[in-house]
Amino acid sequence: MTSQSQGIQQLLQAEKRAKDKLEEAKKRKGKRLKQAKEEATAEIDHYRLQREKEFRNKETNVMGSQGNLSVKIEEQTTEAIRSLTSSYHRNMESMMKKLLSTICDISPEIHPNFIPTV
């Protein structure tokens, strides 16, 4: 009977060691998964930053810098306003004369289709 109980004890101890090894393996697996996830996240972040940098470089090459565009647009707007103002001053007098002559100079005439009734 003692040999039987020793055999049972050995089986229980072996089962406990196997259980401990299994738990330890699960912990190592969890740690490896967590580490792999962190490495993947770091690699993704690095790749994203690299692609964003390339995009900004291409955008700058294609469109130029925003500062230059705003200065150019402001200069063009100022030039257009200056041109319109000078055109207004040049043509104002003649347009006012035309408008007043059209309104004030009336020459009454009988319409060609008018038939006088007697």
PDB file of N, CA and C in Angstrom:
ATOM      1  N   MET A   1       0.818  -1.185   0.000  1.00  0.00           N
ATOM      2  CA  MET A   1       0.000   0.000   0.000  1.00  0.00           C
ATOM      3  C   MET A   1       0.872   1.262   0.000  1.00  0.00           C
ATOM      4  N   THR A   2       1.979   1.197   0.676  1.00  0.00           N
ATOM      5  CA  THR A   2       2.858   2.352   0.705  1.00  0.00           C
ATOM      6  C   THR A   2       3.440   2.632  -0.671  1.00  0.00           C
ATOM      7  N   SER A   3       3.706   1.584  -1.424  1.00  0.00           N
ATOM      8  CA  SER A   3       4.228   1.806  -2.758  1.00  0.00           C
ATOM      9  C   SER A   3       3.152   2.409  -3.657  1.00  0.00           C
ATOM     10  N   GLN A   4       1.920   1.998  -3.369  1.00  0.00           N
ATOM     11  CA  GLN A   4       0.807   2.561  -4.134  1.00  0.00           C
ATOM     12  C   GLN A   4       0.636   4.056  -3.815  1.00  0.00           C
ATOM     13  N   SER A   5       0.724   4.402  -2.517  1.00  0.00           N
ATOM     14  CA  SER A   5       0.565   5.803  -2.136  1.00  0.00           C
ATOM     15  C   SER A   5       1.757   6.622  -2.639  1.00  0.00           C
ATOM     16  N   GLN A   6       2.957   5.997  -2.673  1.00  0.00           N
ATOM     17  CA  GLN A   6       4.112   6.701  -3.221  1.00  0.00           C
ATOM     18  C   GLN A   6       3.917   6.941  -4.716  1.00  0.00           C
ATOM     19  N   GLY A   7       3.364   5.975  -5.395  1.00  0.00           N
ATOM     20  CA  GLY A   7       3.099   6.127  -6.827  1.00  0.00           C
ATOM     21  C   GLY A   7       2.080   7.227  -7.076  1.00  0.00           C
ATOM     22  N   ILE A   8       1.054   7.277  -6.209  1.00  0.00           N
ATOM     23  CA  ILE A   8       0.036   8.333  -6.338  1.00  0.00           C
ATOM     24  C   ILE A   8       0.666   9.685  -6.067  1.00  0.00           C
ATOM     25  N   GLN A   9       1.503   9.732  -5.034  1.00  0.00           N
ATOM     26  CA  GLN A   9       2.181  10.990  -4.692  1.00  0.00           C
ATOM     27  C   GLN A   9       3.055  11.457  -5.867  1.00  0.00           C
ATOM     28  N   GLN A  10       3.767  10.514  -6.465  1.00  0.00           N
ATOM     29  CA  GLN A  10       4.618  10.862  -7.603  1.00  0.00           C
ATOM     30  C   GLN A  10       3.775  11.369  -8.777  1.00  0.00           C
ATOM     31  N   LEU A  11       2.647  10.686  -9.002  1.00  0.00           N
ATOM     32  CA  LEU A  11       1.744  11.145 -10.078  1.00  0.00           C
ATOM     33  C   LEU A  11       1.210  12.547  -9.798  1.00  0.00           C
ATOM     34  N   LEU A  12       0.813  12.790  -8.535  1.00  0.00           N
ATOM     35  CA  LEU A  12       0.301  14.124  -8.163  1.00  0.00           C
ATOM     36  C   LEU A  12       1.387  15.188  -8.339  1.00  0.00           C
ATOM     37  N   GLN A  13       2.616  14.845  -7.925  1.00  0.00           N
ATOM     38  CA  GLN A  13       3.716  15.803  -8.071  1.00  0.00           C
ATOM     39  C   GLN A  13       4.019  16.052  -9.562  1.00  0.00           C
ATOM     40  N   ALA A  14       3.993  14.997 -10.358  1.00  0.00           N
ATOM     41  CA  ALA A  14       4.243  15.144 -11.789  1.00  0.00           C
ATOM     42  C   ALA A  14       3.145  15.993 -12.425  1.00  0.00           C
ATOM     43  N   GLU A  15       1.907  15.754 -12.001  1.00  0.00           N
ATOM     44  CA  GLU A  15       0.781  16.549 -12.524  1.00  0.00           C
ATOM     45  C   GLU A  15       0.945  18.020 -12.139  1.00  0.00           C
ATOM     46  N   LYS A  16       1.391  18.253 -10.871  1.00  0.00           N
ATOM     47  CA  LYS A  16       1.579  19.637 -10.416  1.00  0.00           C
ATOM     48  C   LYS A  16       2.699  20.317 -11.219  1.00  0.00           C
ATOM     49  N   ARG A  17       3.804  19.576 -11.463  1.00  0.00           N
ATOM     50  CA  ARG A  17       4.909  20.147 -12.241  1.00  0.00           C
ATOM     51  C   ARG A  17       4.458  20.453 -13.673  1.00  0.00           C
ATOM     52  N   ALA A  18       3.681  19.561 -14.248  1.00  0.00           N
ATOM     53  CA  ALA A  18       3.174  19.781 -15.608  1.00  0.00           C
ATOM     54  C   ALA A  18       2.260  21.002 -15.642  1.00  0.00           C
ATOM     55  N   LYS A  19       1.416  21.122 -14.615  1.00  0.00           N
ATOM     56  CA  LYS A  19       0.507  22.286 -14.526  1.00  0.00           C
ATOM     57  C   LYS A  19       1.315  23.570 -14.407  1.00  0.00           C
ATOM     58  N   ASP A  20       2.346  23.563 -13.566  1.00  0.00           N
ATOM     59  CA  ASP A  20       3.196  24.746 -13.388  1.00  0.00           C
ATOM     60  C   ASP A  20       3.900  25.116 -14.695  1.00  0.00           C
ATOM     61  N   LYS A  21       4.432  24.078 -15.395  1.00  0.00           N
ATOM     62  CA  LYS A  21       5.097  24.336 -16.669  1.00  0.00           C
ATOM     63  C   LYS A  21       4.122  24.910 -17.687  1.00  0.00           C
ATOM     64  N   LEU A  22       2.898  24.392 -17.677  1.00  0.00           N
ATOM     65  CA  LEU A  22       1.881  24.885 -18.603  1.00  0.00           C
ATOM     66  C   LEU A  22       1.544  26.351 -18.313  1.00  0.00           C
ATOM     67  N   GLU A  23       1.381  26.701 -17.034  1.00  0.00           N
ATOM     68  CA  GLU A  23       1.092  28.092 -16.656  1.00  0.00           C
ATOM     69  C   GLU A  23       2.256  29.010 -17.034  1.00  0.00           C
ATOM     70  N   GLU A  24       3.479  28.503 -16.800  1.00  0.00           N
ATOM     71  CA  GLU A  24       4.653  29.297 -17.149  1.00  0.00           C
ATOM     72  C   GLU A  24       4.729  29.517 -18.662  1.00  0.00           C
ATOM     73  N   ALA A  25       4.431  28.484 -19.433  1.00  0.00           N
ATOM     74  CA  ALA A  25       4.433  28.615 -20.894  1.00  0.00           C
ATOM     75  C   ALA A  25       3.376  29.613 -21.344  1.00  0.00           C
ATOM     76  N   LYS A  26       2.195  29.594 -20.712  1.00  0.00           N
ATOM     77  CA  LYS A  26       1.137  30.557 -21.044  1.00  0.00           C
ATOM     78  C   LYS A  26       1.593  31.980 -20.749  1.00  0.00           C
ATOM     79  N   LYS A  27       2.272  32.163 -19.614  1.00  0.00           N
ATOM     80  CA  LYS A  27       2.769  33.500 -19.266  1.00  0.00           C
ATOM     81  C   LYS A  27       3.801  33.979 -20.289  1.00  0.00           C
ATOM     82  N   ARG A  28       4.737  33.061 -20.672  1.00  0.00           N
ATOM     83  CA  ARG A  28       5.744  33.432 -21.669  1.00  0.00           C
ATOM     84  C   ARG A  28       5.083  33.785 -23.000  1.00  0.00           C
ATOM     85  N   LYS A  29       4.071  33.007 -23.369  1.00  0.00           N
ATOM     86  CA  LYS A  29       3.350  33.271 -24.619  1.00  0.00           C
ATOM     87  C   LYS A  29       2.679  34.642 -24.565  1.00  0.00           C
ATOM     88  N   GLY A  30       2.044  34.946 -23.427  1.00  0.00           N
ATOM     89  CA  GLY A  30       1.407  36.259 -23.262  1.00  0.00           C
ATOM     90  C   GLY A  30       2.417  37.389 -23.372  1.00  0.00           C
ATOM     91  N   LYS A  31       3.586  37.195 -22.727  1.00  0.00           N
ATOM     92  CA  LYS A  31       4.639  38.215 -22.796  1.00  0.00           C
ATOM     93  C   LYS A  31       5.126  38.396 -24.228  1.00  0.00           C
ATOM     94  N   ARG A  32       5.322  37.271 -24.949  1.00  0.00           N
ATOM     95  CA  ARG A  32       5.784  37.356 -26.346  1.00  0.00           C
ATOM     96  C   ARG A  32       4.743  38.063 -27.218  1.00  0.00           C
ATOM     97  N   LEU A  33       3.471  37.760 -27.004  1.00  0.00           N
ATOM     98  CA  LEU A  33       2.414  38.424 -27.778  1.00  0.00           C
ATOM     99  C   LEU A  33       2.397  39.926 -27.504  1.00  0.00           C
ATOM    100  N   LYS A  34       2.522  40.281 -26.226  1.00  0.00           N
ATOM    101  CA  LYS A  34       2.529  41.700 -25.854  1.00  0.00           C
ATOM    102  C   LYS A  34       3.733  42.406 -26.477  1.00  0.00           C
ATOM    103  N   GLN A  35       4.898  41.748 -26.418  1.00  0.00           N
ATOM    104  CA  GLN A  35       6.104  42.327 -27.001  1.00  0.00           C
ATOM    105  C   GLN A  35       5.959  42.469 -28.514  1.00  0.00           C
ATOM    106  N   ALA A  36       5.404  41.450 -29.163  1.00  0.00           N
ATOM    107  CA  ALA A  36       5.209  41.508 -30.614  1.00  0.00           C
ATOM    108  C   ALA A  36       4.250  42.628 -30.980  1.00  0.00           C
ATOM    109  N   LYS A  37       3.206  42.798 -30.182  1.00  0.00           N
ATOM    110  CA  LYS A  37       2.239  43.872 -30.439  1.00  0.00           C
ATOM    111  C   LYS A  37       2.907  45.239 -30.298  1.00  0.00           C
ATOM    112  N   GLU A  38       3.722  45.410 -29.264  1.00  0.00           N
ATOM    113  CA  GLU A  38       4.428  46.679 -29.067  1.00  0.00           C
ATOM    114  C   GLU A  38       5.390  46.957 -30.219  1.00  0.00           C
ATOM    115  N   GLU A  39       6.112  45.925 -30.652  1.00  0.00           N
ATOM    116  CA  GLU A  39       7.041  46.098 -31.773  1.00  0.00           C
ATOM    117  C   GLU A  39       6.289  46.452 -33.053  1.00  0.00           C
ATOM    118  N   ALA A  40       5.153  45.800 -33.271  1.00  0.00           N
ATOM    119  CA  ALA A  40       4.358  46.089 -34.471  1.00  0.00           C
ATOM    120  C   ALA A  40       3.829  47.519 -34.425  1.00  0.00           C
ATOM    121  N   THR A  41       3.365  47.945 -33.256  1.00  0.00           N
ATOM    122  CA  THR A  41       2.869  49.313 -33.114  1.00  0.00           C
ATOM    123  C   THR A  41       3.981  50.320 -33.381  1.00  0.00           C
ATOM    124  N   ALA A  42       5.169  50.058 -32.848  1.00  0.00           N
ATOM    125  CA  ALA A  42       6.299  50.962 -33.077  1.00  0.00           C
ATOM    126  C   ALA A  42       6.660  50.997 -34.559  1.00  0.00           C
ATOM    127  N   GLU A  43       6.654  49.836 -35.200  1.00  0.00           N
ATOM    128  CA  GLU A  43       6.976  49.787 -36.625  1.00  0.00           C
ATOM    129  C   GLU A  43       5.926  50.515 -37.461  1.00  0.00           C
ATOM    130  N   ILE A  44       4.662  50.353 -37.095  1.00  0.00           N
ATOM    131  CA  ILE A  44       3.577  51.052 -37.802  1.00  0.00           C
ATOM    132  C   ILE A  44       3.730  52.562 -37.645  1.00  0.00           C
ATOM    133  N   ASP A  45       4.016  53.005 -36.418  1.00  0.00           N
ATOM    134  CA  ASP A  45       4.197  54.443 -36.180  1.00  0.00           C
ATOM    135  C   ASP A  45       5.371  54.982 -36.997  1.00  0.00           C
ATOM    136  N   HIS A  46       6.466  54.250 -37.025  1.00  0.00           N
ATOM    137  CA  HIS A  46       7.640  54.669 -37.804  1.00  0.00           C
ATOM    138  C   HIS A  46       7.283  54.765 -39.288  1.00  0.00           C
ATOM    139  N   TYR A  47       6.594  53.761 -39.804  1.00  0.00           N
ATOM    140  CA  TYR A  47       6.200  53.753 -41.217  1.00  0.00           C
ATOM    141  C   TYR A  47       5.265  54.924 -41.524  1.00  0.00           C
ATOM    142  N   ARG A  48       4.299  55.170 -40.620  1.00  0.00           N
ATOM    143  CA  ARG A  48       3.349  56.273 -40.820  1.00  0.00           C
ATOM    144  C   ARG A  48       4.078  57.612 -40.854  1.00  0.00           C
ATOM    145  N   LEU A  49       5.001  57.822 -39.929  1.00  0.00           N
ATOM    146  CA  LEU A  49       5.766  59.074 -39.913  1.00  0.00           C
ATOM    147  C   LEU A  49       6.591  59.239 -41.191  1.00  0.00           C
ATOM    148  N   GLN A  50       7.188  58.150 -41.636  1.00  0.00           N
ATOM    149  CA  GLN A  50       7.985  58.194 -42.865  1.00  0.00           C
ATOM    150  C   GLN A  50       7.109  58.565 -44.054  1.00  0.00           C
ATOM    151  N   ARG A  51       5.937  57.941 -44.190  1.00  0.00           N
ATOM    152  CA  ARG A  51       5.042  58.221 -45.316  1.00  0.00           C
ATOM    153  C   ARG A  51       4.493  59.651 -45.240  1.00  0.00           C
ATOM    154  N   GLU A  52       4.179  60.141 -44.034  1.00  0.00           N
ATOM    155  CA  GLU A  52       3.701  61.521 -43.890  1.00  0.00           C
ATOM    156  C   GLU A  52       4.785  62.510 -44.305  1.00  0.00           C
ATOM    157  N   LYS A  53       6.029  62.211 -43.947  1.00  0.00           N
ATOM    158  CA  LYS A  53       7.141  63.086 -44.322  1.00  0.00           C
ATOM    159  C   LYS A  53       7.292  63.116 -45.844  1.00  0.00           C
ATOM    160  N   GLU A  54       7.212  61.947 -46.489  1.00  0.00           N
ATOM    161  CA  GLU A  54       7.296  61.894 -47.947  1.00  0.00           C
ATOM    162  C   GLU A  54       6.148  62.671 -48.587  1.00  0.00           C
ATOM    163  N   PHE A  55       4.954  62.534 -48.020  1.00  0.00           N
ATOM    164  CA  PHE A  55       3.789  63.248 -48.555  1.00  0.00           C
ATOM    165  C   PHE A  55       3.989  64.750 -48.455  1.00  0.00           C
ATOM    166  N   ARG A  56       4.452  65.217 -47.301  1.00  0.00           N
ATOM    167  CA  ARG A  56       4.675  66.664 -47.137  1.00  0.00           C
ATOM    168  C   ARG A  56       5.733  67.163 -48.119  1.00  0.00           C
ATOM    169  N   ASN A  57       6.782  66.380 -48.347  1.00  0.00           N
ATOM    170  CA  ASN A  57       7.814  66.779 -49.309  1.00  0.00           C
ATOM    171  C   ASN A  57       7.232  66.878 -50.719  1.00  0.00           C
ATOM    172  N   LYS A  58       6.453  65.878 -51.125  1.00  0.00           N
ATOM    173  CA  LYS A  58       5.838  65.915 -52.455  1.00  0.00           C
ATOM    174  C   LYS A  58       4.862  67.070 -52.571  1.00  0.00           C
ATOM    175  N   GLU A  59       4.085  67.302 -51.524  1.00  0.00           N
ATOM    176  CA  GLU A  59       3.123  68.394 -51.531  1.00  0.00           C
ATOM    177  C   GLU A  59       3.840  69.729 -51.682  1.00  0.00           C
ATOM    178  N   THR A  60       4.933  69.897 -50.973  1.00  0.00           N
ATOM    179  CA  THR A  60       5.707  71.134 -51.068  1.00  0.00           C
ATOM    180  C   THR A  60       6.293  71.292 -52.462  1.00  0.00           C
ATOM    181  N   ASN A  61       6.793  70.205 -53.035  1.00  0.00           N
ATOM    182  CA  ASN A  61       7.366  70.283 -54.384  1.00  0.00           C
ATOM    183  C   ASN A  61       6.317  70.630 -55.427  1.00  0.00           C
ATOM    184  N   VAL A  62       5.136  70.063 -55.304  1.00  0.00           N
ATOM    185  CA  VAL A  62       4.088  70.270 -56.304  1.00  0.00           C
ATOM    186  C   VAL A  62       3.429  71.632 -56.134  1.00  0.00           C
ATOM    187  N   MET A  63       3.070  71.974 -54.936  1.00  0.00           N
ATOM    188  CA  MET A  63       2.289  73.197 -54.706  1.00  0.00           C
ATOM    189  C   MET A  63       3.139  74.395 -54.314  1.00  0.00           C
ATOM    190  N   GLY A  64       4.365  74.187 -53.934  1.00  0.00           N
ATOM    191  CA  GLY A  64       5.173  75.303 -53.454  1.00  0.00           C
ATOM    192  C   GLY A  64       4.812  75.589 -52.011  1.00  0.00           C
ATOM    193  N   SER A  65       5.470  76.538 -51.433  1.00  0.00           N
ATOM    194  CA  SER A  65       5.178  76.843 -50.039  1.00  0.00           C
ATOM    195  C   SER A  65       3.954  77.736 -49.949  1.00  0.00           C
ATOM    196  N   GLN A  66       3.221  77.589 -48.883  1.00  0.00           N
ATOM    197  CA  GLN A  66       1.992  78.349 -48.698  1.00  0.00           C
ATOM    198  C   GLN A  66       2.270  79.846 -48.564  1.00  0.00           C
ATOM    199  N   GLY A  67       3.392  80.203 -47.980  1.00  0.00           N
ATOM    200  CA  GLY A  67       3.734  81.620 -47.820  1.00  0.00           C
ATOM    201  C   GLY A  67       3.879  82.315 -49.156  1.00  0.00           C
ATOM    202  N   ASN A  68       4.544  81.673 -50.093  1.00  0.00           N
ATOM    203  CA  ASN A  68       4.726  82.262 -51.425  1.00  0.00           C
ATOM    204  C   ASN A  68       3.388  82.407 -52.131  1.00  0.00           C
ATOM    205  N   LEU A  69       2.521  81.416 -51.988  1.00  0.00           N
ATOM    206  CA  LEU A  69       1.210  81.489 -52.642  1.00  0.00           C
ATOM    207  C   LEU A  69       0.389  82.655 -52.115  1.00  0.00           C
ATOM    208  N   SER A  70       0.367  82.830 -50.806  1.00  0.00           N
ATOM    209  CA  SER A  70      -0.441  83.912 -50.254  1.00  0.00           C
ATOM    210  C   SER A  70       0.108  85.278 -50.664  1.00  0.00           C
ATOM    211  N   VAL A  71       1.413  85.420 -50.717  1.00  0.00           N
ATOM    212  CA  VAL A  71       2.017  86.689 -51.149  1.00  0.00           C
ATOM    213  C   VAL A  71       1.678  86.949 -52.618  1.00  0.00           C
ATOM    214  N   LYS A  72       1.781  85.904 -53.451  1.00  0.00           N
ATOM    215  CA  LYS A  72       1.455  86.051 -54.868  1.00  0.00           C
ATOM    216  C   LYS A  72       0.001  86.457 -55.059  1.00  0.00           C
ATOM    217  N   ILE A  73      -0.883  85.788 -54.353  1.00  0.00           N
ATOM    218  CA  ILE A  73      -2.322  86.074 -54.483  1.00  0.00           C
ATOM    219  C   ILE A  73      -2.614  87.497 -54.027  1.00  0.00           C
ATOM    220  N   GLU A  74      -1.987  87.918 -52.944  1.00  0.00           N
ATOM    221  CA  GLU A  74      -2.208  89.285 -52.464  1.00  0.00           C
ATOM    222  C   GLU A  74      -1.704  90.311 -53.478  1.00  0.00           C
ATOM    223  N   GLU A  75      -0.565  90.065 -54.093  1.00  0.00           N
ATOM    224  CA  GLU A  75      -0.042  90.976 -55.108  1.00  0.00           C
ATOM    225  C   GLU A  75      -0.973  91.035 -56.319  1.00  0.00           C
ATOM    226  N   GLN A  76      -1.474  89.879 -56.749  1.00  0.00           N
ATOM    227  CA  GLN A  76      -2.391  89.848 -57.885  1.00  0.00           C
ATOM    228  C   GLN A  76      -3.682  90.590 -57.559  1.00  0.00           C
ATOM    229  N   THR A  77      -4.178  90.413 -56.346  1.00  0.00           N
ATOM    230  CA  THR A  77      -5.404  91.108 -55.940  1.00  0.00           C
ATOM    231  C   THR A  77      -5.182  92.611 -55.913  1.00  0.00           C
ATOM    232  N   THR A  78      -4.083  93.038 -55.360  1.00  0.00           N
ATOM    233  CA  THR A  78      -3.778  94.474 -55.302  1.00  0.00           C
ATOM    234  C   THR A  78      -3.666  95.046 -56.711  1.00  0.00           C
ATOM    235  N   GLU A  79      -3.005  94.326 -57.598  1.00  0.00           N
ATOM    236  CA  GLU A  79      -2.862  94.786 -58.986  1.00  0.00           C
ATOM    237  C   GLU A  79      -4.227  94.860 -59.673  1.00  0.00           C
ATOM    238  N   ALA A  80      -5.081  93.866 -59.443  1.00  0.00           N
ATOM    239  CA  ALA A  80      -6.414  93.883 -60.058  1.00  0.00           C
ATOM    240  C   ALA A  80      -7.237  95.060 -59.534  1.00  0.00           C
ATOM    241  N   ILE A  81      -7.166  95.334 -58.254  1.00  0.00           N
ATOM    242  CA  ILE A  81      -7.892  96.477 -57.672  1.00  0.00           C
ATOM    243  C   ILE A  81      -7.365  97.782 -58.253  1.00  0.00           C
ATOM    244  N   ARG A  82      -6.057  97.900 -58.370  1.00  0.00           N
ATOM    245  CA  ARG A  82      -5.459  99.108 -58.937  1.00  0.00           C
ATOM    246  C   ARG A  82      -5.911  99.298 -60.391  1.00  0.00           C
ATOM    247  N   SER A  83      -5.933  98.227 -61.155  1.00  0.00           N
ATOM    248  CA  SER A  83      -6.347  98.280 -62.555  1.00  0.00           C
ATOM    249  C   SER A  83      -7.811  98.690 -62.677  1.00  0.00           C
ATOM    250  N   LEU A  84      -8.672  98.077 -61.850  1.00  0.00           N
ATOM    251  CA  LEU A  84     -10.097  98.429 -61.892  1.00  0.00           C
ATOM    252  C   LEU A  84     -10.337  99.878 -61.479  1.00  0.00           C
ATOM    253  N   THR A  85      -9.605 100.339 -60.481  1.00  0.00           N
ATOM    254  CA  THR A  85      -9.768 101.725 -60.030  1.00  0.00           C
ATOM    255  C   THR A  85      -9.353 102.698 -61.124  1.00  0.00           C
ATOM    256  N   SER A  86      -8.231 102.431 -61.769  1.00  0.00           N
ATOM    257  CA  SER A  86      -7.793 103.349 -62.828  1.00  0.00           C
ATOM    258  C   SER A  86      -8.767 103.306 -64.011  1.00  0.00           C
ATOM    259  N   SER A  87      -9.287 102.124 -64.354  1.00  0.00           N
ATOM    260  CA  SER A  87     -10.269 102.005 -65.429  1.00  0.00           C
ATOM    261  C   SER A  87     -11.547 102.772 -65.072  1.00  0.00           C
ATOM    262  N   TYR A  88     -11.946 102.684 -63.826  1.00  0.00           N
ATOM    263  CA  TYR A  88     -13.135 103.407 -63.356  1.00  0.00           C
ATOM    264  C   TYR A  88     -12.930 104.911 -63.543  1.00  0.00           C
ATOM    265  N   HIS A  89     -11.810 105.415 -63.093  1.00  0.00           N
ATOM    266  CA  HIS A  89     -11.564 106.857 -63.195  1.00  0.00           C
ATOM    267  C   HIS A  89     -11.441 107.310 -64.652  1.00  0.00           C
ATOM    268  N   ARG A  90     -10.853 106.501 -65.514  1.00  0.00           N
ATOM    269  CA  ARG A  90     -10.722 106.848 -66.923  1.00  0.00           C
ATOM    270  C   ARG A  90     -12.081 106.918 -67.619  1.00  0.00           C
ATOM    271  N   ASN A  91     -12.958 105.969 -67.323  1.00  0.00           N
ATOM    272  CA  ASN A  91     -14.213 105.851 -68.068  1.00  0.00           C
ATOM    273  C   ASN A  91     -15.425 106.467 -67.380  1.00  0.00           C
ATOM    274  N   MET A  92     -15.272 106.952 -66.167  1.00  0.00           N
ATOM    275  CA  MET A  92     -16.408 107.479 -65.419  1.00  0.00           C
ATOM    276  C   MET A  92     -17.051 108.675 -66.137  1.00  0.00           C
ATOM    277  N   GLU A  93     -16.248 109.605 -66.555  1.00  0.00           N
ATOM    278  CA  GLU A  93     -16.775 110.834 -67.164  1.00  0.00           C
ATOM    279  C   GLU A  93     -17.547 110.525 -68.443  1.00  0.00           C
ATOM    280  N   SER A  94     -16.971 109.731 -69.317  1.00  0.00           N
ATOM    281  CA  SER A  94     -17.654 109.431 -70.582  1.00  0.00           C
ATOM    282  C   SER A  94     -18.931 108.631 -70.345  1.00  0.00           C
ATOM    283  N   MET A  95     -18.919 107.723 -69.404  1.00  0.00           N
ATOM    284  CA  MET A  95     -20.127 106.943 -69.110  1.00  0.00           C
ATOM    285  C   MET A  95     -21.224 107.822 -68.520  1.00  0.00           C
ATOM    286  N   MET A  96     -20.859 108.744 -67.664  1.00  0.00           N
ATOM    287  CA  MET A  96     -21.863 109.651 -67.075  1.00  0.00           C
ATOM    288  C   MET A  96     -22.486 110.508 -68.186  1.00  0.00           C
ATOM    289  N   LYS A  97     -21.671 110.992 -69.126  1.00  0.00           N
ATOM    290  CA  LYS A  97     -22.200 111.783 -70.240  1.00  0.00           C
ATOM    291  C   LYS A  97     -23.147 110.946 -71.082  1.00  0.00           C
ATOM    292  N   LYS A  98     -22.763 109.707 -71.398  1.00  0.00           N
ATOM    293  CA  LYS A  98     -23.627 108.825 -72.188  1.00  0.00           C
ATOM    294  C   LYS A  98     -24.939 108.559 -71.473  1.00  0.00           C
ATOM    295  N   LEU A  99     -24.861 108.271 -70.215  1.00  0.00           N
ATOM    296  CA  LEU A  99     -26.060 107.964 -69.425  1.00  0.00           C
ATOM    297  C   LEU A  99     -26.984 109.175 -69.365  1.00  0.00           C
ATOM    298  N   LEU A 100     -26.426 110.346 -69.071  1.00  0.00           N
ATOM    299  CA  LEU A 100     -27.257 111.548 -68.991  1.00  0.00           C
ATOM    300  C   LEU A 100     -27.842 111.912 -70.351  1.00  0.00           C
ATOM    301  N   SER A 101     -27.089 111.756 -71.411  1.00  0.00           N
ATOM    302  CA  SER A 101     -27.621 112.085 -72.740  1.00  0.00           C
ATOM    303  C   SER A 101     -28.745 111.122 -73.112  1.00  0.00           C
ATOM    304  N   THR A 102     -28.610 109.854 -72.747  1.00  0.00           N
ATOM    305  CA  THR A 102     -29.673 108.892 -73.051  1.00  0.00           C
ATOM    306  C   THR A 102     -30.940 109.220 -72.272  1.00  0.00           C
ATOM    307  N   ILE A 103     -30.778 109.648 -71.043  1.00  0.00           N
ATOM    308  CA  ILE A 103     -31.949 109.943 -70.210  1.00  0.00           C
ATOM    309  C   ILE A 103     -32.545 111.305 -70.541  1.00  0.00           C
ATOM    310  N   CYS A 104     -31.731 112.308 -70.702  1.00  0.00           N
ATOM    311  CA  CYS A 104     -32.228 113.676 -70.831  1.00  0.00           C
ATOM    312  C   CYS A 104     -32.531 114.113 -72.257  1.00  0.00           C
ATOM    313  N   ASP A 105     -31.810 113.655 -73.227  1.00  0.00           N
ATOM    314  CA  ASP A 105     -32.030 114.090 -74.606  1.00  0.00           C
ATOM    315  C   ASP A 105     -33.126 113.230 -75.240  1.00  0.00           C
ATOM    316  N   ILE A 106     -34.299 113.759 -75.212  1.00  0.00           N
ATOM    317  CA  ILE A 106     -35.435 113.043 -75.775  1.00  0.00           C
ATOM    318  C   ILE A 106     -35.842 113.749 -77.059  1.00  0.00           C
ATOM    319  N   SER A 107     -35.977 113.015 -78.134  1.00  0.00           N
ATOM    320  CA  SER A 107     -36.471 113.594 -79.377  1.00  0.00           C
ATOM    321  C   SER A 107     -37.786 112.886 -79.702  1.00  0.00           C
ATOM    322  N   PRO A 108     -38.887 113.556 -79.471  1.00  0.00           N
ATOM    323  CA  PRO A 108     -40.185 112.925 -79.719  1.00  0.00           C
ATOM    324  C   PRO A 108     -40.407 112.712 -81.205  1.00  0.00           C
ATOM    325  N   GLU A 109     -40.843 111.509 -81.554  1.00  0.00           N
ATOM    326  CA  GLU A 109     -41.138 111.151 -82.938  1.00  0.00           C
ATOM    327  C   GLU A 109     -42.383 110.292 -82.957  1.00  0.00           C
ATOM    328  N   ILE A 110     -43.038 110.289 -84.057  1.00  0.00           N
ATOM    329  CA  ILE A 110     -44.198 109.427 -84.236  1.00  0.00           C
ATOM    330  C   ILE A 110     -43.679 108.083 -84.704  1.00  0.00           C
ATOM    331  N   HIS A 111     -44.233 107.087 -84.145  1.00  0.00           N
ATOM    332  CA  HIS A 111     -43.817 105.735 -84.495  1.00  0.00           C
ATOM    333  C   HIS A 111     -44.209 105.452 -85.934  1.00  0.00           C
ATOM    334  N   PRO A 112     -43.380 104.745 -86.675  1.00  0.00           N
ATOM    335  CA  PRO A 112     -43.682 104.501 -88.104  1.00  0.00           C
ATOM    336  C   PRO A 112     -44.960 103.701 -88.317  1.00  0.00           C
ATOM    337  N   ASN A 113     -45.387 102.937 -87.393  1.00  0.00           N
ATOM    338  CA  ASN A 113     -46.600 102.124 -87.555  1.00  0.00           C
ATOM    339  C   ASN A 113     -47.872 102.864 -87.129  1.00  0.00           C
ATOM    340  N   PHE A 114     -47.704 104.080 -86.699  1.00  0.00           N
ATOM    341  CA  PHE A 114     -48.894 104.831 -86.272  1.00  0.00           C
ATOM    342  C   PHE A 114     -49.728 105.279 -87.453  1.00  0.00           C
ATOM    343  N   ILE A 115     -51.016 105.001 -87.368  1.00  0.00           N
ATOM    344  CA  ILE A 115     -51.952 105.437 -88.424  1.00  0.00           C
ATOM    345  C   ILE A 115     -52.871 106.469 -87.802  1.00  0.00           C
ATOM    346  N   PRO A 116     -52.827 107.708 -88.324  1.00  0.00           N
ATOM    347  CA  PRO A 116     -53.707 108.743 -87.730  1.00  0.00           C
ATOM    348  C   PRO A 116     -55.160 108.489 -88.088  1.00  0.00           C
ATOM    349  N   THR A 117     -55.995 108.643 -87.180  1.00  0.00           N
ATOM    350  CA  THR A 117     -57.438 108.476 -87.422  1.00  0.00           C
ATOM    351  C   THR A 117     -58.056 109.822 -87.637  1.00  0.00           C
ATOM    352  N   VAL A 118     -58.878 109.924 -88.667  1.00  0.00           N
ATOM    353  CA  VAL A 118     -59.496 111.200 -89.010  1.00  0.00           C
ATOM    354  C   VAL A 118     -60.923 111.218 -88.616  1.00  0.00           C
TER     355      VAL A 118
END
